[in-house]
Protein backbone atom coordinates (compact mmCIF):
# COMPACT_ATOMS: atom_id res chain seq x y z
CA MET A 1 124.94 124.40 115.55
CA ARG A 2 123.45 124.37 119.06
CA LYS A 3 119.95 124.33 117.60
CA ARG A 4 120.82 121.37 115.40
CA ILE A 5 122.24 119.48 118.37
CA LEU A 6 119.05 120.18 120.33
CA ILE A 7 116.94 118.88 117.46
CA VAL A 8 118.96 115.68 117.30
CA LEU A 9 118.63 115.21 121.07
CA LEU A 10 114.87 115.68 120.88
CA LEU A 11 114.64 113.15 118.09
CA ALA A 12 116.74 110.70 120.10
CA LEU A 13 114.37 111.05 123.03
CA GLY A 14 111.50 110.38 120.65
CA VAL A 15 112.64 106.89 119.91
CA LEU A 16 111.65 105.86 123.42
CA SER A 17 108.03 106.78 122.80
CA SER A 18 105.22 104.77 121.31
CA CYS A 19 106.35 105.70 117.81
CA GLY A 20 110.03 105.21 118.54
CA VAL A 21 112.31 102.22 118.34
CA PHE A 22 111.72 101.13 121.90
CA ARG A 23 109.68 97.95 121.55
CA ASN A 24 107.30 96.71 124.19
CA ARG A 25 105.63 94.37 121.69
CA SER A 26 106.82 91.97 119.03
CA GLU A 27 108.09 93.57 115.83
CA ALA A 28 105.23 91.95 113.91
CA TYR A 29 102.82 94.20 115.82
CA TYR A 30 104.09 97.11 113.76
CA TYR A 31 103.83 95.55 110.30
CA ALA A 32 101.26 96.88 107.88
CA GLY A 33 98.25 94.57 107.98
CA GLU A 34 94.95 94.10 106.26
CA PRO A 35 92.66 97.07 105.53
CA VAL A 36 90.32 95.92 108.31
CA ASP A 37 92.06 94.84 111.51
CA GLU A 38 91.55 91.56 113.33
CA SER A 39 89.60 93.02 116.25
CA GLY A 40 86.34 91.81 114.74
CA TYR A 41 85.03 95.34 114.22
CA GLN A 42 83.31 95.82 110.86
CA PRO A 43 83.31 99.45 109.72
CA VAL A 44 79.98 101.00 108.81
CA GLY A 45 81.60 102.69 105.85
CA ASN A 46 83.18 100.75 103.02
CA VAL A 47 86.96 100.22 103.21
CA VAL A 48 88.91 100.06 99.94
CA GLU A 49 92.50 98.94 99.36
CA ALA A 50 93.94 100.97 96.47
CA TRP A 51 97.29 100.90 94.71
CA TYR A 52 98.47 104.07 93.01
CA PRO A 53 101.41 104.68 90.63
CA CYS A 54 104.38 106.70 91.91
CA SER A 55 105.99 109.48 89.89
CA VAL A 56 109.23 109.75 91.89
CA LYS A 57 112.17 107.50 92.70
CA GLY A 58 111.23 104.46 94.78
CA PRO A 59 108.43 101.89 94.42
CA THR A 60 106.51 101.91 91.15
CA GLN A 61 103.31 101.85 93.17
CA ARG A 62 102.17 102.19 96.77
CA ARG A 63 99.16 101.09 98.77
CA MET A 64 96.64 103.40 100.39
CA ILE A 65 93.60 102.51 102.47
CA VAL A 66 90.46 104.52 101.74
CA TYR A 67 87.44 104.74 104.05
CA LEU A 68 84.23 105.71 102.24
CA PRO A 69 81.34 107.24 104.24
CA PRO A 70 78.39 104.94 105.06
CA ASP A 71 76.10 106.35 102.34
CA TYR A 72 78.79 106.57 99.63
CA GLU A 73 77.46 103.59 97.63
CA GLU A 74 73.85 104.82 97.71
CA GLY A 75 74.06 107.78 95.36
CA ASP A 76 76.24 110.14 93.37
CA GLN A 77 77.06 112.64 96.12
CA ARG A 78 80.60 114.03 96.26
CA TYR A 79 82.57 114.26 99.50
CA PRO A 80 85.42 116.18 101.13
CA VAL A 81 88.62 114.27 101.88
CA VAL A 82 90.83 113.91 104.95
CA TYR A 83 94.39 112.71 104.31
CA LEU A 84 95.59 111.10 107.55
CA LEU A 85 99.34 110.46 107.86
CA HIS A 86 101.16 108.04 110.16
CA GLY A 87 104.34 108.72 112.16
CA ALA A 88 107.80 107.18 112.33
CA ARG A 89 107.74 103.37 112.16
CA GLY A 90 104.19 103.71 110.86
CA HIS A 91 102.54 102.68 107.59
CA GLU A 92 99.16 102.78 105.85
CA THR A 93 97.41 100.64 108.49
CA ALA A 94 98.94 102.19 111.62
CA TRP A 95 95.90 104.39 112.24
CA ILE A 96 93.71 101.30 111.81
CA GLN A 97 95.70 99.01 114.08
CA ARG A 98 96.60 101.50 116.79
CA GLY A 99 94.42 104.56 116.27
CA HIS A 100 91.10 102.70 115.83
CA VAL A 101 90.29 105.18 113.10
CA PHE A 102 87.27 103.29 111.76
CA GLN A 103 85.60 102.97 115.15
CA VAL A 104 86.27 106.63 115.93
CA THR A 105 85.04 107.85 112.55
CA ASP A 106 81.90 105.69 112.59
CA SER A 107 81.04 106.95 116.09
CA ILE A 108 81.42 110.59 115.11
CA TYR A 109 79.40 110.15 111.91
CA SER A 110 76.62 108.19 113.65
CA GLN A 111 76.14 111.05 116.12
CA GLY A 112 76.01 113.62 113.34
CA HIS A 113 79.01 115.46 114.77
CA ALA A 114 80.92 115.79 111.50
CA VAL A 115 80.45 116.40 107.80
CA PRO A 116 80.91 112.94 106.19
CA ALA A 117 84.23 112.72 104.41
CA ILE A 118 86.44 110.21 102.66
CA ILE A 119 89.39 109.25 104.87
CA VAL A 120 92.65 108.38 103.07
CA LEU A 121 95.47 106.51 104.81
CA PRO A 122 98.63 106.56 102.63
CA ASN A 123 102.10 105.19 103.25
CA VAL A 124 104.51 108.15 103.30
CA ASN A 125 107.75 106.37 104.17
CA GLN A 126 110.68 106.54 101.78
CA TYR A 127 111.60 103.24 100.08
CA ASN A 128 114.29 102.52 97.51
CA ASP A 129 112.35 100.33 95.08
CA ASP A 130 109.60 97.71 94.78
CA GLU A 131 111.59 95.09 96.68
CA ASP A 132 112.31 97.50 99.49
CA PHE A 133 108.61 98.43 99.71
CA GLU A 134 107.40 94.80 99.67
CA ASN A 135 104.68 94.28 102.30
CA SER A 136 105.20 97.89 103.41
CA ARG A 137 108.45 96.94 105.09
CA TYR A 138 108.73 97.81 108.76
CA LYS A 139 111.01 100.76 109.53
CA ASP A 140 112.61 101.71 112.82
CA ALA A 141 111.93 105.27 113.88
CA LEU A 142 115.52 106.40 113.36
CA GLU A 143 115.46 105.10 109.80
CA SER A 144 112.22 106.96 109.14
CA LEU A 145 113.42 110.17 110.73
CA PHE A 146 116.82 110.45 109.14
CA GLU A 147 115.81 109.39 105.63
CA ILE A 148 113.53 112.41 105.17
CA ASP A 149 114.53 114.01 101.87
CA GLY A 150 111.33 115.40 100.35
CA THR A 151 110.96 112.72 97.66
CA VAL A 152 107.63 111.24 98.76
CA GLU A 153 106.38 114.57 100.06
CA SER A 154 107.08 116.45 96.82
CA ALA A 155 104.90 113.98 94.89
CA PHE A 156 102.09 113.74 97.43
CA VAL A 157 99.68 116.14 95.74
CA HIS A 158 100.30 114.71 92.27
CA ASP A 159 100.35 111.03 93.23
CA VAL A 160 98.03 110.64 96.22
CA VAL A 161 95.60 113.56 95.89
CA GLY A 162 95.51 113.17 92.10
CA TYR A 163 94.70 109.46 92.34
CA VAL A 164 91.97 109.98 94.93
CA ASP A 165 90.31 112.77 92.94
CA ASN A 166 90.37 110.62 89.79
CA HIS A 167 89.03 107.41 91.37
CA PHE A 168 86.56 108.53 94.02
CA ARG A 169 83.70 111.04 94.18
CA THR A 170 85.56 113.86 95.86
CA ILE A 171 84.92 117.58 95.90
CA PRO A 172 88.26 118.41 94.27
CA ASP A 173 89.04 121.84 95.69
CA LYS A 174 90.96 123.39 98.57
CA ALA A 175 87.90 124.04 100.73
CA HIS A 176 87.11 120.33 100.85
CA ARG A 177 90.55 118.88 101.60
CA ALA A 178 92.27 118.33 104.95
CA ILE A 179 95.72 116.92 105.67
CA CYS A 180 96.85 115.89 109.13
CA GLY A 181 99.27 113.52 110.78
CA LEU A 182 101.07 112.53 113.96
CA SER A 183 104.70 113.31 114.81
CA VAL A 184 106.65 112.80 111.56
CA GLY A 185 103.29 112.79 109.76
CA ALA A 186 102.62 116.19 111.33
CA LEU A 187 105.94 117.44 109.97
CA GLN A 188 105.00 116.15 106.52
CA SER A 189 101.50 117.66 106.75
CA LEU A 190 103.01 121.02 107.68
CA TYR A 191 105.41 121.09 104.73
CA ILE A 192 103.07 119.52 102.15
CA SER A 193 100.33 122.02 102.93
CA ALA A 194 102.77 124.96 102.87
CA ASP A 195 104.33 123.77 99.62
CA SER A 196 100.88 123.50 98.00
CA PRO A 197 98.94 126.37 99.61
CA GLN A 198 96.02 126.08 97.17
CA THR A 199 95.39 122.41 97.94
CA PHE A 200 94.40 122.10 101.63
CA ASP A 201 92.14 124.37 103.70
CA TYR A 202 92.40 122.27 106.87
CA ILE A 203 95.72 121.26 108.40
CA GLY A 204 96.21 119.23 111.58
CA LEU A 205 99.60 118.97 113.28
CA PHE A 206 99.45 116.30 115.98
CA SER A 207 102.55 116.45 118.25
CA PRO A 208 104.72 117.99 115.53
CA PHE A 209 108.34 118.91 115.27
CA TRP A 210 108.67 121.42 112.50
CA LYS A 211 112.35 121.89 111.77
CA VAL A 212 114.15 119.13 109.93
CA ILE A 213 117.67 118.37 108.77
CA PRO A 214 116.83 116.71 105.44
CA LYS A 215 118.97 114.11 103.78
CA PRO A 216 120.57 115.52 100.60
CA SER A 217 118.57 114.67 97.49
CA GLN A 218 117.23 116.23 94.32
CA HIS A 219 114.10 117.12 96.31
CA ILE A 220 115.90 118.79 99.22
CA LEU A 221 114.36 122.18 98.39
CA PHE A 222 111.01 120.80 99.48
CA TYR A 223 112.20 121.12 103.08
CA SER A 224 113.62 124.61 102.75
CA GLY A 225 112.21 128.10 103.00
CA ILE A 226 109.27 127.19 105.23
CA LYS A 227 108.87 130.70 106.66
CA LYS A 228 108.61 132.15 103.17
CA LYS A 229 106.11 129.44 102.21
CA TRP A 230 103.98 130.26 105.26
CA LYS A 231 103.64 133.83 104.03
CA THR A 232 102.08 132.52 100.83
CA GLN A 233 99.93 130.02 102.71
CA PHE A 234 98.51 132.50 105.25
CA VAL A 235 98.48 135.79 103.32
CA PRO A 236 96.14 137.16 102.20
CA THR A 237 93.72 134.26 102.82
CA PRO A 238 94.71 131.80 105.56
CA PRO A 239 93.51 128.20 105.77
CA LYS A 240 90.01 127.82 107.21
CA GLY A 241 91.31 125.55 109.94
CA TYR A 242 94.91 125.20 111.13
CA TYR A 243 95.22 123.02 114.25
CA VAL A 244 98.43 122.87 116.29
CA CYS A 245 98.09 120.09 118.87
CA THR A 246 100.39 118.84 121.60
CA SER A 247 100.35 117.41 125.11
CA ASP A 248 101.93 118.93 128.19
CA GLN A 249 104.49 116.13 128.56
CA ASP A 250 105.23 115.69 124.87
CA TYR A 251 108.95 115.83 124.14
CA PHE A 252 108.19 118.24 121.28
CA TYR A 253 106.19 120.55 123.58
CA LEU A 254 108.82 123.33 123.59
CA HIS A 255 109.28 122.89 119.87
CA VAL A 256 105.55 123.53 119.40
CA GLN A 257 105.76 126.67 121.54
CA ASN A 258 108.47 128.00 119.22
CA LEU A 259 106.17 127.34 116.29
CA ARG A 260 103.34 129.17 118.03
CA ARG A 261 105.54 132.16 118.79
CA HIS A 262 106.41 132.47 115.12
CA PHE A 263 102.74 132.24 114.11
CA ASP A 264 101.71 134.77 116.77
CA ARG A 265 104.49 137.17 115.74
CA HIS A 266 103.20 137.19 112.16
CA GLY A 267 99.50 137.08 112.98
CA TYR A 268 98.88 133.68 111.40
CA PRO A 269 95.56 132.32 112.72
CA TYR A 270 95.49 128.81 114.19
CA THR A 271 93.72 126.77 116.85
CA TYR A 272 95.92 125.52 119.68
CA ILE A 273 95.02 122.34 121.55
CA CYS A 274 97.05 121.19 124.55
CA THR A 275 96.07 117.97 126.31
CA GLU A 276 97.53 116.08 129.25
CA GLY A 277 99.96 113.22 128.85
CA ILE A 278 102.69 112.09 126.52
CA HIS A 279 103.46 111.55 122.84
CA ASP A 280 100.98 108.71 122.35
CA TRP A 281 97.91 107.42 120.57
CA TYR A 282 95.22 108.48 123.03
CA ASN A 283 96.12 112.10 122.34
CA TRP A 284 96.40 111.66 118.58
CA ILE A 285 92.99 110.01 118.46
CA TYR A 286 91.53 113.01 120.28
CA TYR A 287 93.20 115.48 117.90
CA TYR A 288 91.92 113.57 114.87
CA SER A 289 88.41 113.54 116.34
CA TYR A 290 88.55 117.28 116.95
CA LEU A 291 89.66 118.04 113.41
CA LEU A 292 87.04 115.73 111.89
CA GLU A 293 84.28 117.40 113.92
CA HIS A 294 85.33 120.93 112.93
CA ALA A 295 86.37 120.58 109.30
CA PHE A 296 84.17 121.37 106.29
CA ARG A 297 81.47 123.10 108.31
CA PRO A 298 79.23 125.33 106.11
CA GLU A 299 79.54 128.19 108.60
CA ASP A 300 83.30 128.22 107.98
């Protein structure tokens, strides 16, 4: 019971952060926008808005934004894929609007610091139906946090990964897929990758909390048995890259240390990155850059 109370207190503190319900801008600032933001920046790669059918309760279809590498249209080459998840009160354009993902990705690719990959930005919030999802409805952080029930997450591989592999020139295997996300998106990345251990070889947890009190649903088992799932994910062959990232003033810092202690106790290999500062975008951008630069390397 004490652990559950502590988790709730940590989540309550989280609402005061940049991904919480504390608002220092107009609410419209947080709405899902166009695939390319209004900053005037034109991505070097091609940006595609795609709608994919959903196989679980909720909207009949959802929107994802897909960034294709600069040379994608010039040939028939296949590419690895990075699935990049938003946090609480986020949506499919949060990384575009606030994480400057196109500028960051173009810069890394132009310098030859990463293996070119397709970047997929899905919406992983829970919605009741098409009307509820309309225009990727804005959600307060508390609504996002306490509605977690495994529904969207349980269908992620089938719906999102399946759609991307069927509609774009991917390399459709574990060695060429990464999943990563910030805060709640880190939680989802952790559980999705553990639930489907043969799907992702690169996992990035950016400021994660990793224990959740899920809302009762038919998919509640998705968020259970994580320690047993880790055994399958890491033994005998662990992921090629597992990145646990936090900052020294992040309110989930101690939570991350508990995660590390469990991994260390069982000998699960991972890369730990600790930066200065708080639970905010400048750190998440750095973590994303680090993962992009280190994933899919031939020497791995």
